[in-house]
Amino acid sequence: MKLGAFSLSLSVKDINQSKDFYQKLGFQVVGGELAQNWLILRNGDTTIGLFQDMFDTNTLTFNPGWDAQCNELDDFDDVRDIQEKLKSQSMALMVEADANSKGPASLMLKDPDGNPILIDQHR
């Protein structure tokens, strides 16, 4: 199963304060909308997302169709195919993608310790 690019989506209390903190660690803003309270930052091959008032907790995030630099991939597993495989293995999903849709979609599940995992396809 090709899950795509990995990042950690951080649930932050103050996006400006968090942005300043991570920039001091060498991260640079590479995407997002500060006015909408979300930013994507990168330091080398490490990507984090800062999300204020969007997630209840930090979330492991995978983006099918993207590499680590958010470049589009020609060969990737569609989120709906990933979902079908997970369901065939009796994995419980918290959020499901519309199996009849095409393009952007997402699903969410939790690991055995309760950590949320978001599989979020943007194309």
PDB file of N, CA and C in Angstrom:
ATOM      1  N   MET A   1       0.847  -1.170   0.000  1.00  0.00           N
ATOM      2  CA  MET A   1       0.000   0.000   0.000  1.00  0.00           C
ATOM      3  C   MET A   1       0.897   1.239   0.000  1.00  0.00           C
ATOM      4  N   LYS A   2       0.675   2.134  -0.947  1.00  0.00           N
ATOM      5  CA  LYS A   2       1.438   3.388  -1.032  1.00  0.00           C
ATOM      6  C   LYS A   2       0.625   4.500  -0.383  1.00  0.00           C
ATOM      7  N   LEU A   3       1.054   4.928   0.793  1.00  0.00           N
ATOM      8  CA  LEU A   3       0.316   5.945   1.539  1.00  0.00           C
ATOM      9  C   LEU A   3       0.689   7.365   1.147  1.00  0.00           C
ATOM     10  N   GLY A   4       1.811   7.551   0.482  1.00  0.00           N
ATOM     11  CA  GLY A   4       2.224   8.887   0.061  1.00  0.00           C
ATOM     12  C   GLY A   4       3.054   9.603   1.104  1.00  0.00           C
ATOM     13  N   ALA A   5       3.153  10.904   0.918  1.00  0.00           N
ATOM     14  CA  ALA A   5       3.991  11.751   1.781  1.00  0.00           C
ATOM     15  C   ALA A   5       3.507  11.685   3.229  1.00  0.00           C
ATOM     16  N   PHE A   6       4.453  11.683   4.159  1.00  0.00           N
ATOM     17  CA  PHE A   6       4.123  11.664   5.586  1.00  0.00           C
ATOM     18  C   PHE A   6       4.409  13.020   6.203  1.00  0.00           C
ATOM     19  N   SER A   7       3.528  13.444   7.084  1.00  0.00           N
ATOM     20  CA  SER A   7       3.769  14.635   7.892  1.00  0.00           C
ATOM     21  C   SER A   7       3.052  14.462   9.224  1.00  0.00           C
ATOM     22  N   LEU A   8       3.425  15.290  10.152  1.00  0.00           N
ATOM     23  CA  LEU A   8       2.758  15.322  11.444  1.00  0.00           C
ATOM     24  C   LEU A   8       1.918  16.588  11.486  1.00  0.00           C
ATOM     25  N   SER A   9       0.623  16.432  11.685  1.00  0.00           N
ATOM     26  CA  SER A   9      -0.287  17.571  11.792  1.00  0.00           C
ATOM     27  C   SER A   9      -0.437  17.899  13.269  1.00  0.00           C
ATOM     28  N   LEU A  10       0.050  19.074  13.640  1.00  0.00           N
ATOM     29  CA  LEU A  10       0.044  19.481  15.041  1.00  0.00           C
ATOM     30  C   LEU A  10      -1.159  20.366  15.351  1.00  0.00           C
ATOM     31  N   SER A  11      -1.881  20.018  16.392  1.00  0.00           N
ATOM     32  CA  SER A  11      -2.975  20.837  16.881  1.00  0.00           C
ATOM     33  C   SER A  11      -2.369  21.911  17.784  1.00  0.00           C
ATOM     34  N   VAL A  12      -2.401  23.156  17.345  1.00  0.00           N
ATOM     35  CA  VAL A  12      -1.722  24.232  18.079  1.00  0.00           C
ATOM     36  C   VAL A  12      -2.735  25.202  18.677  1.00  0.00           C
ATOM     37  N   LYS A  13      -2.329  25.855  19.758  1.00  0.00           N
ATOM     38  CA  LYS A  13      -3.192  26.820  20.434  1.00  0.00           C
ATOM     39  C   LYS A  13      -3.085  28.204  19.808  1.00  0.00           C
ATOM     40  N   ASP A  14      -1.882  28.580  19.365  1.00  0.00           N
ATOM     41  CA  ASP A  14      -1.650  29.901  18.773  1.00  0.00           C
ATOM     42  C   ASP A  14      -0.761  29.700  17.556  1.00  0.00           C
ATOM     43  N   ILE A  15      -1.330  29.781  16.372  1.00  0.00           N
ATOM     44  CA  ILE A  15      -0.589  29.452  15.158  1.00  0.00           C
ATOM     45  C   ILE A  15       0.591  30.394  14.925  1.00  0.00           C
ATOM     46  N   ASN A  16       0.449  31.663  15.279  1.00  0.00           N
ATOM     47  CA  ASN A  16       1.558  32.603  15.088  1.00  0.00           C
ATOM     48  C   ASN A  16       2.727  32.262  16.010  1.00  0.00           C
ATOM     49  N   GLN A  17       2.418  31.950  17.251  1.00  0.00           N
ATOM     50  CA  GLN A  17       3.454  31.577  18.212  1.00  0.00           C
ATOM     51  C   GLN A  17       4.142  30.281  17.769  1.00  0.00           C
ATOM     52  N   SER A  18       3.374  29.306  17.291  1.00  0.00           N
ATOM     53  CA  SER A  18       3.938  28.039  16.834  1.00  0.00           C
ATOM     54  C   SER A  18       4.768  28.229  15.568  1.00  0.00           C
ATOM     55  N   LYS A  19       4.291  29.054  14.655  1.00  0.00           N
ATOM     56  CA  LYS A  19       5.050  29.353  13.428  1.00  0.00           C
ATOM     57  C   LYS A  19       6.406  29.942  13.788  1.00  0.00           C
ATOM     58  N   ASP A  20       6.413  30.931  14.662  1.00  0.00           N
ATOM     59  CA  ASP A  20       7.680  31.557  15.079  1.00  0.00           C
ATOM     60  C   ASP A  20       8.610  30.540  15.722  1.00  0.00           C
ATOM     61  N   PHE A  21       8.074  29.686  16.576  1.00  0.00           N
ATOM     62  CA  PHE A  21       8.877  28.670  17.251  1.00  0.00           C
ATOM     63  C   PHE A  21       9.541  27.737  16.236  1.00  0.00           C
ATOM     64  N   TYR A  22       8.748  27.176  15.321  1.00  0.00           N
ATOM     65  CA  TYR A  22       9.300  26.208  14.372  1.00  0.00           C
ATOM     66  C   TYR A  22      10.218  26.867  13.351  1.00  0.00           C
ATOM     67  N   GLN A  23      10.000  28.142  13.037  1.00  0.00           N
ATOM     68  CA  GLN A  23      10.929  28.835  12.151  1.00  0.00           C
ATOM     69  C   GLN A  23      12.291  28.994  12.823  1.00  0.00           C
ATOM     70  N   LYS A  24      12.311  29.178  14.129  1.00  0.00           N
ATOM     71  CA  LYS A  24      13.578  29.258  14.858  1.00  0.00           C
ATOM     72  C   LYS A  24      14.314  27.925  14.839  1.00  0.00           C
ATOM     73  N   LEU A  25      13.587  26.821  14.625  1.00  0.00           N
ATOM     74  CA  LEU A  25      14.205  25.503  14.495  1.00  0.00           C
ATOM     75  C   LEU A  25      14.633  25.207  13.057  1.00  0.00           C
ATOM     76  N   GLY A  26      14.417  26.170  12.163  1.00  0.00           N
ATOM     77  CA  GLY A  26      14.847  26.010  10.784  1.00  0.00           C
ATOM     78  C   GLY A  26      13.760  25.611   9.808  1.00  0.00           C
ATOM     79  N   PHE A  27      12.520  25.528  10.263  1.00  0.00           N
ATOM     80  CA  PHE A  27      11.422  25.202   9.356  1.00  0.00           C
ATOM     81  C   PHE A  27      11.030  26.445   8.557  1.00  0.00           C
ATOM     82  N   GLN A  28      10.608  26.222   7.316  1.00  0.00           N
ATOM     83  CA  GLN A  28      10.137  27.307   6.460  1.00  0.00           C
ATOM     84  C   GLN A  28       8.702  27.023   6.038  1.00  0.00           C
ATOM     85  N   VAL A  29       7.901  28.070   5.959  1.00  0.00           N
ATOM     86  CA  VAL A  29       6.524  27.928   5.505  1.00  0.00           C
ATOM     87  C   VAL A  29       6.547  27.613   4.013  1.00  0.00           C
ATOM     88  N   VAL A  30       5.882  26.522   3.634  1.00  0.00           N
ATOM     89  CA  VAL A  30       5.829  26.120   2.220  1.00  0.00           C
ATOM     90  C   VAL A  30       4.392  26.042   1.705  1.00  0.00           C
ATOM     91  N   GLY A  31       3.416  26.280   2.566  1.00  0.00           N
ATOM     92  CA  GLY A  31       2.028  26.227   2.122  1.00  0.00           C
ATOM     93  C   GLY A  31       1.092  26.592   3.243  1.00  0.00           C
ATOM     94  N   GLY A  32      -0.189  26.607   2.906  1.00  0.00           N
ATOM     95  CA  GLY A  32      -1.211  26.890   3.895  1.00  0.00           C
ATOM     96  C   GLY A  32      -1.754  28.297   3.781  1.00  0.00           C
ATOM     97  N   GLU A  33      -2.629  28.632   4.716  1.00  0.00           N
ATOM     98  CA  GLU A  33      -3.282  29.944   4.772  1.00  0.00           C
ATOM     99  C   GLU A  33      -3.319  30.404   6.227  1.00  0.00           C
ATOM    100  N   LEU A  34      -2.438  31.309   6.581  1.00  0.00           N
ATOM    101  CA  LEU A  34      -2.393  31.803   7.956  1.00  0.00           C
ATOM    102  C   LEU A  34      -3.754  32.363   8.382  1.00  0.00           C
ATOM    103  N   ALA A  35      -4.444  33.066   7.482  1.00  0.00           N
ATOM    104  CA  ALA A  35      -5.752  33.641   7.804  1.00  0.00           C
ATOM    105  C   ALA A  35      -6.790  32.563   8.101  1.00  0.00           C
ATOM    106  N   GLN A  36      -6.561  31.336   7.602  1.00  0.00           N
ATOM    107  CA  GLN A  36      -7.462  30.212   7.868  1.00  0.00           C
ATOM    108  C   GLN A  36      -6.938  29.321   8.994  1.00  0.00           C
ATOM    109  N   ASN A  37      -5.869  29.757   9.655  1.00  0.00           N
ATOM    110  CA  ASN A  37      -5.279  29.069  10.811  1.00  0.00           C
ATOM    111  C   ASN A  37      -4.647  27.721  10.482  1.00  0.00           C
ATOM    112  N   TRP A  38      -4.015  27.604   9.299  1.00  0.00           N
ATOM    113  CA  TRP A  38      -3.260  26.389   9.006  1.00  0.00           C
ATOM    114  C   TRP A  38      -2.065  26.726   8.112  1.00  0.00           C
ATOM    115  N   LEU A  39      -0.936  26.086   8.422  1.00  0.00           N
ATOM    116  CA  LEU A  39       0.302  26.272   7.664  1.00  0.00           C
ATOM    117  C   LEU A  39       1.018  24.940   7.515  1.00  0.00           C
ATOM    118  N   ILE A  40       1.748  24.799   6.423  1.00  0.00           N
ATOM    119  CA  ILE A  40       2.615  23.652   6.199  1.00  0.00           C
ATOM    120  C   ILE A  40       4.051  24.175   6.241  1.00  0.00           C
ATOM    121  N   LEU A  41       4.887  23.535   7.056  1.00  0.00           N
ATOM    122  CA  LEU A  41       6.283  23.937   7.193  1.00  0.00           C
ATOM    123  C   LEU A  41       7.189  22.755   6.877  1.00  0.00           C
ATOM    124  N   ARG A  42       8.376  23.057   6.357  1.00  0.00           N
ATOM    125  CA  ARG A  42       9.315  21.995   6.014  1.00  0.00           C
ATOM    126  C   ARG A  42      10.724  22.396   6.429  1.00  0.00           C
ATOM    127  N   ASN A  43      11.459  21.390   6.887  1.00  0.00           N
ATOM    128  CA  ASN A  43      12.880  21.509   7.190  1.00  0.00           C
ATOM    129  C   ASN A  43      13.522  20.286   6.554  1.00  0.00           C
ATOM    130  N   GLY A  44      14.182  20.465   5.411  1.00  0.00           N
ATOM    131  CA  GLY A  44      14.724  19.319   4.677  1.00  0.00           C
ATOM    132  C   GLY A  44      13.590  18.441   4.202  1.00  0.00           C
ATOM    133  N   ASP A  45      13.636  17.156   4.546  1.00  0.00           N
ATOM    134  CA  ASP A  45      12.583  16.216   4.160  1.00  0.00           C
ATOM    135  C   ASP A  45      11.503  16.074   5.227  1.00  0.00           C
ATOM    136  N   THR A  46      11.582  16.869   6.287  1.00  0.00           N
ATOM    137  CA  THR A  46      10.614  16.783   7.377  1.00  0.00           C
ATOM    138  C   THR A  46       9.525  17.832   7.187  1.00  0.00           C
ATOM    139  N   THR A  47       8.280  17.367   7.185  1.00  0.00           N
ATOM    140  CA  THR A  47       7.137  18.259   6.985  1.00  0.00           C
ATOM    141  C   THR A  47       6.214  18.167   8.193  1.00  0.00           C
ATOM    142  N   ILE A  48       5.782  19.343   8.660  1.00  0.00           N
ATOM    143  CA  ILE A  48       4.784  19.413   9.720  1.00  0.00           C
ATOM    144  C   ILE A  48       3.680  20.371   9.279  1.00  0.00           C
ATOM    145  N   GLY A  49       2.499  20.142   9.776  1.00  0.00           N
ATOM    146  CA  GLY A  49       1.401  21.070   9.571  1.00  0.00           C
ATOM    147  C   GLY A  49       1.010  21.657  10.909  1.00  0.00           C
ATOM    148  N   LEU A  50       0.717  22.934  10.912  1.00  0.00           N
ATOM    149  CA  LEU A  50       0.227  23.610  12.111  1.00  0.00           C
ATOM    150  C   LEU A  50      -1.247  23.921  11.872  1.00  0.00           C
ATOM    151  N   PHE A  51      -2.110  23.442  12.765  1.00  0.00           N
ATOM    152  CA  PHE A  51      -3.553  23.596  12.598  1.00  0.00           C
ATOM    153  C   PHE A  51      -4.165  24.106  13.896  1.00  0.00           C
ATOM    154  N   GLN A  52      -4.657  25.332  13.869  1.00  0.00           N
ATOM    155  CA  GLN A  52      -5.309  25.909  15.044  1.00  0.00           C
ATOM    156  C   GLN A  52      -6.811  25.722  14.901  1.00  0.00           C
ATOM    157  N   ASP A  53      -7.440  25.124  15.920  1.00  0.00           N
ATOM    158  CA  ASP A  53      -8.896  24.920  15.978  1.00  0.00           C
ATOM    159  C   ASP A  53      -9.426  24.004  14.875  1.00  0.00           C
ATOM    160  N   MET A  54      -8.606  23.062  14.390  1.00  0.00           N
ATOM    161  CA  MET A  54      -9.060  22.130  13.353  1.00  0.00           C
ATOM    162  C   MET A  54      -9.018  20.680  13.812  1.00  0.00           C
ATOM    163  N   PHE A  55      -8.027  20.325  14.594  1.00  0.00           N
ATOM    164  CA  PHE A  55      -7.880  18.960  15.083  1.00  0.00           C
ATOM    165  C   PHE A  55      -7.898  18.984  16.598  1.00  0.00           C
ATOM    166  N   ASP A  56      -8.473  17.946  17.209  1.00  0.00           N
ATOM    167  CA  ASP A  56      -8.488  17.854  18.671  1.00  0.00           C
ATOM    168  C   ASP A  56      -7.131  17.452  19.222  1.00  0.00           C
ATOM    169  N   THR A  57      -6.354  16.740  18.417  1.00  0.00           N
ATOM    170  CA  THR A  57      -5.078  16.212  18.876  1.00  0.00           C
ATOM    171  C   THR A  57      -4.109  16.142  17.697  1.00  0.00           C
ATOM    172  N   ASN A  58      -2.839  15.934  17.987  1.00  0.00           N
ATOM    173  CA  ASN A  58      -1.850  15.762  16.925  1.00  0.00           C
ATOM    174  C   ASN A  58      -2.226  14.530  16.105  1.00  0.00           C
ATOM    175  N   THR A  59      -1.967  14.582  14.810  1.00  0.00           N
ATOM    176  CA  THR A  59      -2.430  13.549  13.897  1.00  0.00           C
ATOM    177  C   THR A  59      -1.327  13.157  12.924  1.00  0.00           C
ATOM    178  N   LEU A  60      -1.145  11.844  12.740  1.00  0.00           N
ATOM    179  CA  LEU A  60      -0.250  11.351  11.701  1.00  0.00           C
ATOM    180  C   LEU A  60      -0.971  11.523  10.372  1.00  0.00           C
ATOM    181  N   THR A  61      -0.309  12.108   9.378  1.00  0.00           N
ATOM    182  CA  THR A  61      -0.963  12.399   8.110  1.00  0.00           C
ATOM    183  C   THR A  61      -0.171  11.812   6.947  1.00  0.00           C
ATOM    184  N   PHE A  62      -0.901  11.198   6.018  1.00  0.00           N
ATOM    185  CA  PHE A  62      -0.319  10.671   4.782  1.00  0.00           C
ATOM    186  C   PHE A  62      -1.087  11.277   3.615  1.00  0.00           C
ATOM    187  N   ASN A  63      -0.357  11.614   2.552  1.00  0.00           N
ATOM    188  CA  ASN A  63      -0.981  12.212   1.374  1.00  0.00           C
ATOM    189  C   ASN A  63      -0.689  11.382   0.132  1.00  0.00           C
ATOM    190  N   PRO A  64      -1.615  10.477  -0.221  1.00  0.00           N
ATOM    191  CA  PRO A  64      -1.444   9.714  -1.460  1.00  0.00           C
ATOM    192  C   PRO A  64      -1.335  10.660  -2.661  1.00  0.00           C
ATOM    193  N   GLY A  65      -0.440  10.336  -3.575  1.00  0.00           N
ATOM    194  CA  GLY A  65      -0.266  11.156  -4.773  1.00  0.00           C
ATOM    195  C   GLY A  65       0.801  12.216  -4.652  1.00  0.00           C
ATOM    196  N   TRP A  66       1.412  12.341  -3.475  1.00  0.00           N
ATOM    197  CA  TRP A  66       2.484  13.318  -3.267  1.00  0.00           C
ATOM    198  C   TRP A  66       3.741  12.619  -2.784  1.00  0.00           C
ATOM    199  N   ASP A  67       4.904  13.193  -3.161  1.00  0.00           N
ATOM    200  CA  ASP A  67       6.157  12.758  -2.561  1.00  0.00           C
ATOM    201  C   ASP A  67       6.446  13.668  -1.361  1.00  0.00           C
ATOM    202  N   ALA A  68       7.598  13.504  -0.731  1.00  0.00           N
ATOM    203  CA  ALA A  68       7.925  14.253   0.489  1.00  0.00           C
ATOM    204  C   ALA A  68       8.000  15.764   0.267  1.00  0.00           C
ATOM    205  N   GLN A  69       8.163  16.198  -0.980  1.00  0.00           N
ATOM    206  CA  GLN A  69       8.228  17.630  -1.277  1.00  0.00           C
ATOM    207  C   GLN A  69       6.901  18.156  -1.843  1.00  0.00           C
ATOM    208  N   CYS A  70       5.847  17.349  -1.738  1.00  0.00           N
ATOM    209  CA  CYS A  70       4.504  17.684  -2.227  1.00  0.00           C
ATOM    210  C   CYS A  70       4.441  17.784  -3.751  1.00  0.00           C
ATOM    211  N   ASN A  71       5.360  17.093  -4.430  1.00  0.00           N
ATOM    212  CA  ASN A  71       5.286  16.981  -5.878  1.00  0.00           C
ATOM    213  C   ASN A  71       4.305  15.873  -6.210  1.00  0.00           C
ATOM    214  N   GLU A  72       3.522  16.076  -7.266  1.00  0.00           N
ATOM    215  CA  GLU A  72       2.536  15.072  -7.655  1.00  0.00           C
ATOM    216  C   GLU A  72       3.220  13.844  -8.242  1.00  0.00           C
ATOM    217  N   LEU A  73       2.737  12.676  -7.859  1.00  0.00           N
ATOM    218  CA  LEU A  73       3.246  11.401  -8.355  1.00  0.00           C
ATOM    219  C   LEU A  73       2.302  10.856  -9.419  1.00  0.00           C
ATOM    220  N   ASP A  74       2.865  10.244 -10.453  1.00  0.00           N
ATOM    221  CA  ASP A  74       2.044   9.614 -11.481  1.00  0.00           C
ATOM    222  C   ASP A  74       1.473   8.287 -11.000  1.00  0.00           C
ATOM    223  N   ASP A  75       2.256   7.571 -10.204  1.00  0.00           N
ATOM    224  CA  ASP A  75       1.865   6.240  -9.738  1.00  0.00           C
ATOM    225  C   ASP A  75       1.630   6.284  -8.230  1.00  0.00           C
ATOM    226  N   PHE A  76       0.364   6.135  -7.826  1.00  0.00           N
ATOM    227  CA  PHE A  76       0.039   6.133  -6.402  1.00  0.00           C
ATOM    228  C   PHE A  76      -1.246   5.359  -6.181  1.00  0.00           C
ATOM    229  N   ASP A  77      -1.459   4.935  -4.951  1.00  0.00           N
ATOM    230  CA  ASP A  77      -2.686   4.242  -4.582  1.00  0.00           C
ATOM    231  C   ASP A  77      -3.741   5.284  -4.198  1.00  0.00           C
ATOM    232  N   ASP A  78      -4.870   5.259  -4.880  1.00  0.00           N
ATOM    233  CA  ASP A  78      -5.966   6.173  -4.598  1.00  0.00           C
ATOM    234  C   ASP A  78      -6.508   5.891  -3.189  1.00  0.00           C
ATOM    235  N   VAL A  79      -6.928   6.940  -2.515  1.00  0.00           N
ATOM    236  CA  VAL A  79      -7.429   6.809  -1.141  1.00  0.00           C
ATOM    237  C   VAL A  79      -8.595   5.818  -1.058  1.00  0.00           C
ATOM    238  N   ARG A  80      -9.419   5.746  -2.108  1.00  0.00           N
ATOM    239  CA  ARG A  80     -10.542   4.809  -2.089  1.00  0.00           C
ATOM    240  C   ARG A  80     -10.064   3.357  -2.175  1.00  0.00           C
ATOM    241  N   ASP A  81      -8.959   3.128  -2.905  1.00  0.00           N
ATOM    242  CA  ASP A  81      -8.370   1.783  -2.969  1.00  0.00           C
ATOM    243  C   ASP A  81      -7.751   1.413  -1.623  1.00  0.00           C
ATOM    244  N   ILE A  82      -7.099   2.384  -0.990  1.00  0.00           N
ATOM    245  CA  ILE A  82      -6.537   2.167   0.348  1.00  0.00           C
ATOM    246  C   ILE A  82      -7.660   1.826   1.321  1.00  0.00           C
ATOM    247  N   GLN A  83      -8.737   2.590   1.243  1.00  0.00           N
ATOM    248  CA  GLN A  83      -9.891   2.365   2.117  1.00  0.00           C
ATOM    249  C   GLN A  83     -10.451   0.961   1.934  1.00  0.00           C
ATOM    250  N   GLU A  84     -10.602   0.526   0.697  1.00  0.00           N
ATOM    251  CA  GLU A  84     -11.135  -0.815   0.420  1.00  0.00           C
ATOM    252  C   GLU A  84     -10.238  -1.888   1.022  1.00  0.00           C
ATOM    253  N   LYS A  85      -8.924  -1.699   0.889  1.00  0.00           N
ATOM    254  CA  LYS A  85      -7.992  -2.684   1.446  1.00  0.00           C
ATOM    255  C   LYS A  85      -8.089  -2.703   2.975  1.00  0.00           C
ATOM    256  N   LEU A  86      -8.144  -1.540   3.599  1.00  0.00           N
ATOM    257  CA  LEU A  86      -8.247  -1.472   5.062  1.00  0.00           C
ATOM    258  C   LEU A  86      -9.530  -2.146   5.545  1.00  0.00           C
ATOM    259  N   LYS A  87     -10.633  -1.856   4.875  1.00  0.00           N
ATOM    260  CA  LYS A  87     -11.914  -2.449   5.267  1.00  0.00           C
ATOM    261  C   LYS A  87     -11.905  -3.969   5.066  1.00  0.00           C
ATOM    262  N   SER A  88     -11.206  -4.440   4.026  1.00  0.00           N
ATOM    263  CA  SER A  88     -11.133  -5.891   3.794  1.00  0.00           C
ATOM    264  C   SER A  88     -10.337  -6.593   4.881  1.00  0.00           C
ATOM    265  N   GLN A  89      -9.531  -5.806   5.622  1.00  0.00           N
ATOM    266  CA  GLN A  89      -8.749  -6.336   6.738  1.00  0.00           C
ATOM    267  C   GLN A  89      -9.434  -6.044   8.074  1.00  0.00           C
ATOM    268  N   SER A  90     -10.704  -5.690   8.010  1.00  0.00           N
ATOM    269  CA  SER A  90     -11.532  -5.401   9.203  1.00  0.00           C
ATOM    270  C   SER A  90     -10.992  -4.246  10.032  1.00  0.00           C
ATOM    271  N   MET A  91     -10.388  -3.260   9.378  1.00  0.00           N
ATOM    272  CA  MET A  91      -9.910  -2.064  10.076  1.00  0.00           C
ATOM    273  C   MET A  91     -11.101  -1.117  10.245  1.00  0.00           C
ATOM    274  N   ALA A  92     -11.293  -0.623  11.452  1.00  0.00           N
ATOM    275  CA  ALA A  92     -12.379   0.315  11.734  1.00  0.00           C
ATOM    276  C   ALA A  92     -11.973   1.717  11.304  1.00  0.00           C
ATOM    277  N   LEU A  93     -12.813   2.357  10.495  1.00  0.00           N
ATOM    278  CA  LEU A  93     -12.544   3.714  10.020  1.00  0.00           C
ATOM    279  C   LEU A  93     -13.462   4.695  10.745  1.00  0.00           C
ATOM    280  N   MET A  94     -12.895   5.815  11.180  1.00  0.00           N
ATOM    281  CA  MET A  94     -13.663   6.870  11.841  1.00  0.00           C
ATOM    282  C   MET A  94     -14.365   7.749  10.809  1.00  0.00           C
ATOM    283  N   VAL A  95     -13.680   7.976   9.701  1.00  0.00           N
ATOM    284  CA  VAL A  95     -14.198   8.772   8.589  1.00  0.00           C
ATOM    285  C   VAL A  95     -13.876   8.000   7.321  1.00  0.00           C
ATOM    286  N   GLU A  96     -14.842   7.927   6.417  1.00  0.00           N
ATOM    287  CA  GLU A  96     -14.622   7.216   5.162  1.00  0.00           C
ATOM    288  C   GLU A  96     -14.756   8.161   3.981  1.00  0.00           C
ATOM    289  N   ALA A  97     -13.978   7.868   2.939  1.00  0.00           N
ATOM    290  CA  ALA A  97     -14.109   8.579   1.671  1.00  0.00           C
ATOM    291  C   ALA A  97     -15.322   8.020   0.937  1.00  0.00           C
ATOM    292  N   ASP A  98     -15.961   8.845   0.142  1.00  0.00           N
ATOM    293  CA  ASP A  98     -17.073   8.379  -0.694  1.00  0.00           C
ATOM    294  C   ASP A  98     -16.487   7.449  -1.754  1.00  0.00           C
ATOM    295  N   ALA A  99     -16.840   6.182  -1.689  1.00  0.00           N
ATOM    296  CA  ALA A  99     -16.276   5.173  -2.591  1.00  0.00           C
ATOM    297  C   ALA A  99     -16.626   5.439  -4.047  1.00  0.00           C
ATOM    298  N   ASN A 100     -17.656   6.225  -4.310  1.00  0.00           N
ATOM    299  CA  ASN A 100     -18.076   6.506  -5.683  1.00  0.00           C
ATOM    300  C   ASN A 100     -17.507   7.816  -6.221  1.00  0.00           C
ATOM    301  N   SER A 101     -16.708   8.496  -5.417  1.00  0.00           N
ATOM    302  CA  SER A 101     -16.156   9.779  -5.839  1.00  0.00           C
ATOM    303  C   SER A 101     -14.819   9.588  -6.547  1.00  0.00           C
ATOM    304  N   LYS A 102     -14.324  10.672  -7.116  1.00  0.00           N
ATOM    305  CA  LYS A 102     -12.992  10.702  -7.740  1.00  0.00           C
ATOM    306  C   LYS A 102     -12.298  11.962  -7.268  1.00  0.00           C
ATOM    307  N   GLY A 103     -10.968  11.948  -7.314  1.00  0.00           N
ATOM    308  CA  GLY A 103     -10.208  13.136  -6.938  1.00  0.00           C
ATOM    309  C   GLY A 103      -9.992  13.229  -5.437  1.00  0.00           C
ATOM    310  N   PRO A 104      -9.916  14.461  -4.908  1.00  0.00           N
ATOM    311  CA  PRO A 104      -9.619  14.661  -3.493  1.00  0.00           C
ATOM    312  C   PRO A 104     -10.620  13.945  -2.580  1.00  0.00           C
ATOM    313  N   ALA A 105     -10.084  13.308  -1.560  1.00  0.00           N
ATOM    314  CA  ALA A 105     -10.905  12.617  -0.555  1.00  0.00           C
ATOM    315  C   ALA A 105     -10.004  12.231   0.608  1.00  0.00           C
ATOM    316  N   SER A 106     -10.619  11.855   1.720  1.00  0.00           N
ATOM    317  CA  SER A 106      -9.819  11.452   2.875  1.00  0.00           C
ATOM    318  C   SER A 106     -10.546  10.399   3.690  1.00  0.00           C
ATOM    319  N   LEU A 107      -9.764   9.743   4.513  1.00  0.00           N
ATOM    320  CA  LEU A 107     -10.294   8.798   5.487  1.00  0.00           C
ATOM    321  C   LEU A 107      -9.503   8.971   6.763  1.00  0.00           C
ATOM    322  N   MET A 108     -10.059   8.494   7.859  1.00  0.00           N
ATOM    323  CA  MET A 108      -9.363   8.600   9.138  1.00  0.00           C
ATOM    324  C   MET A 108      -9.617   7.339   9.946  1.00  0.00           C
ATOM    325  N   LEU A 109      -8.575   6.906  10.650  1.00  0.00           N
ATOM    326  CA  LEU A 109      -8.664   5.786  11.568  1.00  0.00           C
ATOM    327  C   LEU A 109      -7.763   6.070  12.755  1.00  0.00           C
ATOM    328  N   LYS A 110      -7.806   5.212  13.756  1.00  0.00           N
ATOM    329  CA  LYS A 110      -6.934   5.349  14.922  1.00  0.00           C
ATOM    330  C   LYS A 110      -6.114   4.078  15.061  1.00  0.00           C
ATOM    331  N   ASP A 111      -4.869   4.258  15.518  1.00  0.00           N
ATOM    332  CA  ASP A 111      -4.042   3.092  15.788  1.00  0.00           C
ATOM    333  C   ASP A 111      -4.453   2.494  17.136  1.00  0.00           C
ATOM    334  N   PRO A 112      -3.888   1.356  17.543  1.00  0.00           N
ATOM    335  CA  PRO A 112      -4.312   0.713  18.790  1.00  0.00           C
ATOM    336  C   PRO A 112      -4.159   1.570  20.044  1.00  0.00           C
ATOM    337  N   ASP A 113      -3.303   2.606  19.970  1.00  0.00           N
ATOM    338  CA  ASP A 113      -3.106   3.477  21.124  1.00  0.00           C
ATOM    339  C   ASP A 113      -3.961   4.741  21.060  1.00  0.00           C
ATOM    340  N   GLY A 114      -4.832   4.826  20.058  1.00  0.00           N
ATOM    341  CA  GLY A 114      -5.721   5.968  19.942  1.00  0.00           C
ATOM    342  C   GLY A 114      -5.171   7.136  19.154  1.00  0.00           C
ATOM    343  N   ASN A 115      -4.003   6.963  18.520  1.00  0.00           N
ATOM    344  CA  ASN A 115      -3.437   8.038  17.708  1.00  0.00           C
ATOM    345  C   ASN A 115      -4.180   8.131  16.383  1.00  0.00           C
ATOM    346  N   PRO A 116      -4.707   9.303  16.049  1.00  0.00           N
ATOM    347  CA  PRO A 116      -5.424   9.438  14.785  1.00  0.00           C
ATOM    348  C   PRO A 116      -4.462   9.409  13.588  1.00  0.00           C
ATOM    349  N   ILE A 117      -4.932   8.783  12.519  1.00  0.00           N
ATOM    350  CA  ILE A 117      -4.193   8.713  11.261  1.00  0.00           C
ATOM    351  C   ILE A 117      -5.122   9.226  10.177  1.00  0.00           C
ATOM    352  N   LEU A 118      -4.691  10.278   9.501  1.00  0.00           N
ATOM    353  CA  LEU A 118      -5.448  10.883   8.411  1.00  0.00           C
ATOM    354  C   LEU A 118      -4.769  10.506   7.103  1.00  0.00           C
ATOM    355  N   ILE A 119      -5.521   9.939   6.180  1.00  0.00           N
ATOM    356  CA  ILE A 119      -5.030   9.676   4.825  1.00  0.00           C
ATOM    357  C   ILE A 119      -5.809  10.626   3.929  1.00  0.00           C
ATOM    358  N   ASP A 120      -5.122  11.673   3.465  1.00  0.00           N
ATOM    359  CA  ASP A 120      -5.754  12.829   2.848  1.00  0.00           C
ATOM    360  C   ASP A 120      -5.183  13.047   1.450  1.00  0.00           C
ATOM    361  N   GLN A 121      -5.984  12.695   0.449  1.00  0.00           N
ATOM    362  CA  GLN A 121      -5.561  12.813  -0.951  1.00  0.00           C
ATOM    363  C   GLN A 121      -6.041  14.142  -1.506  1.00  0.00           C
ATOM    364  N   HIS A 122      -5.128  14.912  -2.115  1.00  0.00           N
ATOM    365  CA  HIS A 122      -5.452  16.252  -2.601  1.00  0.00           C
ATOM    366  C   HIS A 122      -5.721  16.326  -4.095  1.00  0.00           C
ATOM    367  N   ARG A 123      -5.579  15.213  -4.808  1.00  0.00           N
ATOM    368  CA  ARG A 123      -5.796  15.272  -6.262  1.00  0.00           C
ATOM    369  C   ARG A 123      -6.562  14.080  -6.771  1.00  0.00           C
TER     370      ARG A 123
END
